Amino acid sequence: MTGKRWWRSGAGDRDRSPAGRGDGRDTQAERSFYLELAQWQTEQDRLDTLVAVARRVSRGGGGTDYGVVLKSGETALFADTCRLIEPRKQRGHSSGSSSGVSVRIARGVWYRTGSYRGTYVPGPELQTSVDFGQAVITTSRVIFTGGKTTREWRFDKLVVIAIEGDAVLIHVENRQKVSGVVLGRGSAEFHVYLDLAVAAAQRGIDSVASELKAAADAHMARQPRQYGRY
């Protein structure tokens, strides 16, 4: 990216790449330095991308609609394929005991005399995959569109967001039961854009853009430097 370099060369030295000298003489210190530098660059790229997105939204850039109808002033930030999950009651079972005698009257058919005492135990309610489709993050909500149904979780009704592995459970005031989505390989990026969208909805996109720019500048100032180089 502009203004960033993987390494710097001192006077009289030849450039070094993250792969090192190429002659097998890399020291452990050099390998550690290039690993630290790669990790720093990944984080810097992430922050710079978020700054660019926040500025675009702040300028009213519109954004891609990803096949959903956006409201006035709403901007789509990110989309990923996912599964919709909702609470579903599982199969129950009976619990108890019986007394008496069983008499076989035919193959697979038994006649029982006596009594049975027990209760029916309902099954637990578990988050269950009910549809497959796409989740779109906008500046005001998360929208799921699938083959069977659609769902939306509005940020102005947001109570809490729970991350459980690849699952994102979103509790909103206007829905009694908590539902959400299970993401694929894009889950980490989805989480980042979801944080950005919620922060923008709560504090305003201009404020969030300024905070991100300050974080990106501070991180840039912490770029690792190899000892003896400048």
C-alpha atoms as a PDB file:
ATOM      1  CA  MET A   1       0.000   0.000   0.000  1.00  0.00           C
ATOM      2  CA  THR A   2       1.165   3.588  -0.563  1.00  0.00           C
ATOM      3  CA  GLY A   3       3.605   4.746   2.069  1.00  0.00           C
ATOM      4  CA  LYS A   4       4.343   1.242   3.366  1.00  0.00           C
ATOM      5  CA  ARG A   5       7.413  -0.895   2.680  1.00  0.00           C
ATOM      6  CA  TRP A   6       8.276  -4.381   3.728  1.00  0.00           C
ATOM      7  CA  TRP A   7      11.846  -3.409   4.597  1.00  0.00           C
ATOM      8  CA  ARG A   8      14.358  -0.573   4.517  1.00  0.00           C
ATOM      9  CA  SER A   9      17.965  -0.720   3.310  1.00  0.00           C
ATOM     10  CA  GLY A  10      20.813   1.030   5.058  1.00  0.00           C
ATOM     11  CA  ALA A  11      23.658   2.717   3.184  1.00  0.00           C
ATOM     12  CA  GLY A  12      25.677   0.177   1.268  1.00  0.00           C
ATOM     13  CA  ASP A  13      23.324  -2.678   2.084  1.00  0.00           C
ATOM     14  CA  ARG A  14      21.296  -4.538  -0.505  1.00  0.00           C
ATOM     15  CA  ASP A  15      17.547  -4.852  -0.025  1.00  0.00           C
ATOM     16  CA  ARG A  16      16.277  -7.719   1.997  1.00  0.00           C
ATOM     17  CA  SER A  17      12.900  -9.359   1.393  1.00  0.00           C
ATOM     18  CA  PRO A  18      10.710 -11.222   3.883  1.00  0.00           C
ATOM     19  CA  ALA A  19      12.318 -14.367   2.477  1.00  0.00           C
ATOM     20  CA  GLY A  20      15.699 -13.155   3.769  1.00  0.00           C
ATOM     21  CA  ARG A  21      19.074 -13.203   1.991  1.00  0.00           C
ATOM     22  CA  GLY A  22      18.214 -16.240  -0.028  1.00  0.00           C
ATOM     23  CA  ASP A  23      21.539 -17.906   0.803  1.00  0.00           C
ATOM     24  CA  GLY A  24      20.335 -19.839   3.856  1.00  0.00           C
ATOM     25  CA  ARG A  25      22.139 -17.570   6.337  1.00  0.00           C
ATOM     26  CA  ASP A  26      19.077 -15.923   7.915  1.00  0.00           C
ATOM     27  CA  THR A  27      19.388 -15.563  11.647  1.00  0.00           C
ATOM     28  CA  GLN A  28      16.623 -16.329  14.101  1.00  0.00           C
ATOM     29  CA  ALA A  29      16.410 -12.607  14.896  1.00  0.00           C
ATOM     30  CA  GLU A  30      15.821 -11.781  11.228  1.00  0.00           C
ATOM     31  CA  ARG A  31      13.121 -14.427  10.876  1.00  0.00           C
ATOM     32  CA  SER A  32      11.384 -13.114  13.998  1.00  0.00           C
ATOM     33  CA  PHE A  33      11.584  -9.576  12.640  1.00  0.00           C
ATOM     34  CA  TYR A  34       9.999 -10.451   9.306  1.00  0.00           C
ATOM     35  CA  LEU A  35       7.260 -12.442  11.037  1.00  0.00           C
ATOM     36  CA  GLU A  36       6.488  -9.466  13.291  1.00  0.00           C
ATOM     37  CA  LEU A  37       6.532  -7.152  10.278  1.00  0.00           C
ATOM     38  CA  ALA A  38       4.098  -9.388   8.353  1.00  0.00           C
ATOM     39  CA  GLN A  39       1.699  -9.426  11.299  1.00  0.00           C
ATOM     40  CA  TRP A  40       1.949  -5.641  11.604  1.00  0.00           C
ATOM     41  CA  GLN A  41       1.246  -5.217   7.882  1.00  0.00           C
ATOM     42  CA  THR A  42      -1.851  -7.428   8.063  1.00  0.00           C
ATOM     43  CA  GLU A  43      -3.302  -5.323  10.871  1.00  0.00           C
ATOM     44  CA  GLN A  44      -2.378  -2.060   9.115  1.00  0.00           C
ATOM     45  CA  ASP A  45      -4.103  -3.205   5.928  1.00  0.00           C
ATOM     46  CA  ARG A  46      -7.213  -4.105   7.928  1.00  0.00           C
ATOM     47  CA  LEU A  47      -7.326  -0.689   9.611  1.00  0.00           C
ATOM     48  CA  ASP A  48      -6.735   1.155   6.325  1.00  0.00           C
ATOM     49  CA  THR A  49      -9.562  -0.801   4.688  1.00  0.00           C
ATOM     50  CA  LEU A  50     -11.957   0.081   7.514  1.00  0.00           C
ATOM     51  CA  VAL A  51     -10.967   3.753   7.299  1.00  0.00           C
ATOM     52  CA  ALA A  52     -11.708   3.729   3.573  1.00  0.00           C
ATOM     53  CA  VAL A  53     -15.094   2.047   4.119  1.00  0.00           C
ATOM     54  CA  ALA A  54     -16.050   4.459   6.912  1.00  0.00           C
ATOM     55  CA  ARG A  55     -15.117   7.468   4.776  1.00  0.00           C
ATOM     56  CA  ARG A  56     -17.119   6.108   1.859  1.00  0.00           C
ATOM     57  CA  VAL A  57     -20.180   5.712   4.043  1.00  0.00           C
ATOM     58  CA  SER A  58     -19.622   9.145   5.590  1.00  0.00           C
ATOM     59  CA  ARG A  59     -19.603  10.705   2.109  1.00  0.00           C
ATOM     60  CA  GLY A  60     -22.847   8.915   1.268  1.00  0.00           C
ATOM     61  CA  GLY A  61     -21.239   6.645  -1.286  1.00  0.00           C
ATOM     62  CA  GLY A  62     -24.282   4.389  -1.519  1.00  0.00           C
ATOM     63  CA  GLY A  63     -22.682   0.964  -1.559  1.00  0.00           C
ATOM     64  CA  THR A  64     -23.663  -2.218  -3.314  1.00  0.00           C
ATOM     65  CA  ASP A  65     -27.122  -3.555  -2.542  1.00  0.00           C
ATOM     66  CA  TYR A  66     -26.167  -7.274  -2.773  1.00  0.00           C
ATOM     67  CA  GLY A  67     -29.627  -8.057  -4.088  1.00  0.00           C
ATOM     68  CA  VAL A  68     -31.520  -6.453  -1.191  1.00  0.00           C
ATOM     69  CA  VAL A  69     -33.621  -3.290  -1.221  1.00  0.00           C
ATOM     70  CA  LEU A  70     -31.916  -0.623   0.867  1.00  0.00           C
ATOM     71  CA  LYS A  71     -33.705   2.132   2.728  1.00  0.00           C
ATOM     72  CA  SER A  72     -33.052   5.826   2.246  1.00  0.00           C
ATOM     73  CA  GLY A  73     -29.662   6.703   3.721  1.00  0.00           C
ATOM     74  CA  GLU A  74     -28.723   3.045   4.232  1.00  0.00           C
ATOM     75  CA  THR A  75     -25.448   1.636   2.909  1.00  0.00           C
ATOM     76  CA  ALA A  76     -24.482  -2.015   2.468  1.00  0.00           C
ATOM     77  CA  LEU A  77     -21.013  -2.806   3.800  1.00  0.00           C
ATOM     78  CA  PHE A  78     -20.422  -6.546   3.443  1.00  0.00           C
ATOM     79  CA  ALA A  79     -22.127  -9.823   2.555  1.00  0.00           C
ATOM     80  CA  ASP A  80     -21.325 -13.505   2.993  1.00  0.00           C
ATOM     81  CA  THR A  81     -23.040 -16.842   2.480  1.00  0.00           C
ATOM     82  CA  CYS A  82     -24.403 -18.395   5.646  1.00  0.00           C
ATOM     83  CA  ARG A  83     -27.017 -20.629   7.270  1.00  0.00           C
ATOM     84  CA  LEU A  84     -29.931 -19.179   9.202  1.00  0.00           C
ATOM     85  CA  ILE A  85     -30.352 -20.707  12.665  1.00  0.00           C
ATOM     86  CA  GLU A  86     -33.409 -20.451  14.900  1.00  0.00           C
ATOM     87  CA  PRO A  87     -34.561 -22.229  18.083  1.00  0.00           C
ATOM     88  CA  ARG A  88     -36.365 -25.482  17.345  1.00  0.00           C
ATOM     89  CA  LYS A  89     -37.896 -27.922  19.817  1.00  0.00           C
ATOM     90  CA  GLN A  90     -36.180 -31.309  19.702  1.00  0.00           C
ATOM     91  CA  ARG A  91     -37.926 -34.671  20.060  1.00  0.00           C
ATOM     92  CA  GLY A  92     -38.955 -35.551  23.608  1.00  0.00           C
ATOM     93  CA  HIS A  93     -39.139 -38.903  25.383  1.00  0.00           C
ATOM     94  CA  SER A  94     -41.145 -40.661  28.065  1.00  0.00           C
ATOM     95  CA  SER A  95     -39.703 -41.455  31.457  1.00  0.00           C
ATOM     96  CA  GLY A  96     -41.215 -43.968  33.893  1.00  0.00           C
ATOM     97  CA  SER A  97     -41.650 -47.630  34.710  1.00  0.00           C
ATOM     98  CA  SER A  98     -44.175 -50.366  34.105  1.00  0.00           C
ATOM     99  CA  SER A  99     -45.346 -53.456  35.974  1.00  0.00           C
ATOM    100  CA  GLY A 100     -47.076 -56.599  34.794  1.00  0.00           C
ATOM    101  CA  VAL A 101     -46.403 -59.435  32.372  1.00  0.00           C
ATOM    102  CA  SER A 102     -45.704 -59.317  28.617  1.00  0.00           C
ATOM    103  CA  VAL A 103     -46.970 -62.197  26.456  1.00  0.00           C
ATOM    104  CA  ARG A 104     -45.810 -62.644  22.872  1.00  0.00           C
ATOM    105  CA  ILE A 105     -48.767 -63.273  20.575  1.00  0.00           C
ATOM    106  CA  ALA A 106     -47.005 -62.966  17.216  1.00  0.00           C
ATOM    107  CA  ARG A 107     -43.649 -61.969  15.779  1.00  0.00           C
ATOM    108  CA  GLY A 108     -42.997 -58.396  16.928  1.00  0.00           C
ATOM    109  CA  VAL A 109     -46.360 -58.183  18.722  1.00  0.00           C
ATOM    110  CA  TRP A 110     -46.611 -58.342  22.489  1.00  0.00           C
ATOM    111  CA  TYR A 111     -49.564 -58.125  24.864  1.00  0.00           C
ATOM    112  CA  ARG A 112     -48.817 -56.430  28.185  1.00  0.00           C
ATOM    113  CA  THR A 113     -50.890 -56.788  31.316  1.00  0.00           C
ATOM    114  CA  GLY A 114     -50.329 -54.443  34.191  1.00  0.00           C
ATOM    115  CA  SER A 115     -49.822 -50.709  34.433  1.00  0.00           C
ATOM    116  CA  TYR A 116     -47.401 -47.993  33.387  1.00  0.00           C
ATOM    117  CA  ARG A 117     -46.449 -44.909  35.339  1.00  0.00           C
ATOM    118  CA  GLY A 118     -44.350 -42.135  33.863  1.00  0.00           C
ATOM    119  CA  THR A 119     -44.157 -38.657  32.444  1.00  0.00           C
ATOM    120  CA  TYR A 120     -43.381 -37.174  29.062  1.00  0.00           C
ATOM    121  CA  VAL A 121     -40.121 -35.186  29.011  1.00  0.00           C
ATOM    122  CA  PRO A 122     -40.146 -32.578  26.239  1.00  0.00           C
ATOM    123  CA  GLY A 123     -37.018 -32.194  24.169  1.00  0.00           C
ATOM    124  CA  PRO A 124     -34.712 -29.205  24.573  1.00  0.00           C
ATOM    125  CA  GLU A 125     -34.963 -26.143  22.346  1.00  0.00           C
ATOM    126  CA  LEU A 126     -31.750 -25.841  20.334  1.00  0.00           C
ATOM    127  CA  GLN A 127     -30.452 -23.524  17.632  1.00  0.00           C
ATOM    128  CA  THR A 128     -31.133 -25.380  14.369  1.00  0.00           C
ATOM    129  CA  SER A 129     -30.211 -24.650  10.772  1.00  0.00           C
ATOM    130  CA  VAL A 130     -33.421 -23.800   8.898  1.00  0.00           C
ATOM    131  CA  ASP A 131     -32.281 -22.152   5.653  1.00  0.00           C
ATOM    132  CA  PHE A 132     -29.239 -21.331   3.518  1.00  0.00           C
ATOM    133  CA  GLY A 133     -28.586 -17.982   1.864  1.00  0.00           C
ATOM    134  CA  GLN A 134     -26.771 -14.675   2.298  1.00  0.00           C
ATOM    135  CA  ALA A 135     -26.327 -12.276   5.201  1.00  0.00           C
ATOM    136  CA  VAL A 136     -25.843  -8.602   4.335  1.00  0.00           C
ATOM    137  CA  ILE A 137     -24.486  -6.070   6.827  1.00  0.00           C
ATOM    138  CA  THR A 138     -25.741  -2.524   6.352  1.00  0.00           C
ATOM    139  CA  THR A 139     -25.387   0.653   8.363  1.00  0.00           C
ATOM    140  CA  SER A 140     -28.716  -0.014  10.092  1.00  0.00           C
ATOM    141  CA  ARG A 141     -29.295  -3.794  10.188  1.00  0.00           C
ATOM    142  CA  VAL A 142     -28.296  -7.337   9.228  1.00  0.00           C
ATOM    143  CA  ILE A 143     -30.465  -8.899   6.526  1.00  0.00           C
ATOM    144  CA  PHE A 144     -30.724 -12.616   5.730  1.00  0.00           C
ATOM    145  CA  THR A 145     -32.161 -13.710   2.387  1.00  0.00           C
ATOM    146  CA  GLY A 146     -32.517 -17.438   1.760  1.00  0.00           C
ATOM    147  CA  GLY A 147     -34.323 -19.951  -0.360  1.00  0.00           C
ATOM    148  CA  LYS A 148     -37.240 -20.206   2.088  1.00  0.00           C
ATOM    149  CA  THR A 149     -37.354 -17.053   4.165  1.00  0.00           C
ATOM    150  CA  THR A 150     -35.912 -13.647   4.988  1.00  0.00           C
ATOM    151  CA  ARG A 151     -34.956 -12.158   8.356  1.00  0.00           C
ATOM    152  CA  GLU A 152     -33.664  -8.825   9.554  1.00  0.00           C
ATOM    153  CA  TRP A 153     -32.072  -7.695  12.802  1.00  0.00           C
ATOM    154  CA  ARG A 154     -32.265  -3.920  13.247  1.00  0.00           C
ATOM    155  CA  PHE A 155     -29.520  -2.160  15.184  1.00  0.00           C
ATOM    156  CA  ASP A 156     -31.985   0.272  16.769  1.00  0.00           C
ATOM    157  CA  LYS A 157     -33.598  -2.779  18.425  1.00  0.00           C
ATOM    158  CA  LEU A 158     -30.322  -4.475  19.315  1.00  0.00           C
ATOM    159  CA  VAL A 159     -29.940  -6.021  22.778  1.00  0.00           C
ATOM    160  CA  VAL A 160     -26.791  -8.132  22.457  1.00  0.00           C
ATOM    161  CA  ILE A 161     -24.670  -9.960  19.874  1.00  0.00           C
ATOM    162  CA  ALA A 162     -23.143 -13.301  20.902  1.00  0.00           C
ATOM    163  CA  ILE A 163     -20.293 -14.894  18.931  1.00  0.00           C
ATOM    164  CA  GLU A 164     -20.054 -18.656  19.378  1.00  0.00           C
ATOM    165  CA  GLY A 165     -17.467 -20.043  16.983  1.00  0.00           C
ATOM    166  CA  ASP A 166     -18.792 -19.501  13.449  1.00  0.00           C
ATOM    167  CA  ALA A 167     -22.252 -18.640  14.781  1.00  0.00           C
ATOM    168  CA  VAL A 168     -23.453 -15.069  15.300  1.00  0.00           C
ATOM    169  CA  LEU A 169     -26.550 -14.882  17.531  1.00  0.00           C
ATOM    170  CA  ILE A 170     -28.362 -11.525  17.448  1.00  0.00           C
ATOM    171  CA  HIS A 171     -30.906 -10.693  20.160  1.00  0.00           C
ATOM    172  CA  VAL A 172     -33.260  -7.849  19.241  1.00  0.00           C
ATOM    173  CA  GLU A 173     -36.158  -6.364  21.199  1.00  0.00           C
ATOM    174  CA  ASN A 174     -38.846  -7.083  18.609  1.00  0.00           C
ATOM    175  CA  ARG A 175     -38.146 -10.832  18.505  1.00  0.00           C
ATOM    176  CA  GLN A 176     -38.836 -13.071  21.495  1.00  0.00           C
ATOM    177  CA  LYS A 177     -36.430 -15.849  20.531  1.00  0.00           C
ATOM    178  CA  VAL A 178     -32.787 -15.341  19.667  1.00  0.00           C
ATOM    179  CA  SER A 179     -31.755 -16.309  16.140  1.00  0.00           C
ATOM    180  CA  GLY A 180     -28.723 -15.696  13.965  1.00  0.00           C
ATOM    181  CA  VAL A 181     -26.452 -17.043  11.271  1.00  0.00           C
ATOM    182  CA  VAL A 182     -23.645 -19.559  10.930  1.00  0.00           C
ATOM    183  CA  LEU A 183     -20.875 -18.286   8.667  1.00  0.00           C
ATOM    184  CA  GLY A 184     -18.228 -19.946   6.548  1.00  0.00           C
ATOM    185  CA  ARG A 185     -14.625 -18.942   5.917  1.00  0.00           C
ATOM    186  CA  GLY A 186     -15.533 -15.240   5.884  1.00  0.00           C
ATOM    187  CA  SER A 187     -16.589 -15.219   9.535  1.00  0.00           C
ATOM    188  CA  ALA A 188     -13.649 -13.139  10.803  1.00  0.00           C
ATOM    189  CA  GLU A 189     -14.232 -10.423   8.190  1.00  0.00           C
ATOM    190  CA  PHE A 190     -17.987 -10.526   8.889  1.00  0.00           C
ATOM    191  CA  HIS A 191     -17.326  -9.856  12.579  1.00  0.00           C
ATOM    192  CA  VAL A 192     -15.153  -6.818  11.755  1.00  0.00           C
ATOM    193  CA  TYR A 193     -17.750  -5.232   9.485  1.00  0.00           C
ATOM    194  CA  LEU A 194     -20.517  -6.023  11.962  1.00  0.00           C
ATOM    195  CA  ASP A 195     -18.599  -4.170  14.688  1.00  0.00           C
ATOM    196  CA  LEU A 196     -18.133  -1.221  12.328  1.00  0.00           C
ATOM    197  CA  ALA A 197     -21.813  -1.110  11.392  1.00  0.00           C
ATOM    198  CA  VAL A 198     -23.056  -1.307  14.991  1.00  0.00           C
ATOM    199  CA  ALA A 199     -20.600   1.384  16.113  1.00  0.00           C
ATOM    200  CA  ALA A 200     -21.709   3.638  13.243  1.00  0.00           C
ATOM    201  CA  ALA A 201     -25.372   3.122  14.146  1.00  0.00           C
ATOM    202  CA  GLN A 202     -24.720   3.950  17.804  1.00  0.00           C
ATOM    203  CA  ARG A 203     -22.161   6.803  17.601  1.00  0.00           C
ATOM    204  CA  GLY A 204     -22.435   8.082  14.050  1.00  0.00           C
ATOM    205  CA  ILE A 205     -20.259   7.212  11.064  1.00  0.00           C
ATOM    206  CA  ASP A 206     -18.232  10.461  11.204  1.00  0.00           C
ATOM    207  CA  SER A 207     -17.166   9.765  14.776  1.00  0.00           C
ATOM    208  CA  VAL A 208     -16.267   6.150  13.946  1.00  0.00           C
ATOM    209  CA  ALA A 209     -14.301   7.240  10.860  1.00  0.00           C
ATOM    210  CA  SER A 210     -12.232   9.641  12.982  1.00  0.00           C
ATOM    211  CA  GLU A 211     -11.569   6.957  15.604  1.00  0.00           C
ATOM    212  CA  LEU A 212     -10.455   4.472  12.959  1.00  0.00           C
ATOM    213  CA  LYS A 213      -8.162   7.033  11.306  1.00  0.00           C
ATOM    214  CA  ALA A 214      -6.515   7.759  14.659  1.00  0.00           C
ATOM    215  CA  ALA A 215      -6.072   4.016  15.296  1.00  0.00           C
ATOM    216  CA  ALA A 216      -4.567   3.495  11.831  1.00  0.00           C
ATOM    217  CA  ASP A 217      -2.132   6.402  12.303  1.00  0.00           C
ATOM    218  CA  ALA A 218      -1.085   5.148  15.734  1.00  0.00           C
ATOM    219  CA  HIS A 219      -0.529   1.654  14.371  1.00  0.00           C
ATOM    220  CA  MET A 220       1.530   3.039  11.464  1.00  0.00           C
ATOM    221  CA  ALA A 221       3.813   4.763  13.966  1.00  0.00           C
ATOM    222  CA  ARG A 222       4.472   1.379  15.600  1.00  0.00           C
ATOM    223  CA  GLN A 223       5.898  -0.193  12.436  1.00  0.00           C
ATOM    224  CA  PRO A 224       8.605  -2.671  13.496  1.00  0.00           C
ATOM    225  CA  ARG A 225      12.190  -1.629  12.740  1.00  0.00           C
ATOM    226  CA  GLN A 226      15.031  -4.067  12.429  1.00  0.00           C
ATOM    227  CA  TYR A 227      17.875  -3.368  14.825  1.00  0.00           C
ATOM    228  CA  GLY A 228      20.610  -1.345  13.109  1.00  0.00           C
ATOM    229  CA  ARG A 229      18.281  -0.229  10.291  1.00  0.00           C
ATOM    230  CA  TYR A 230      16.249   2.918   9.842  1.00  0.00           C
END
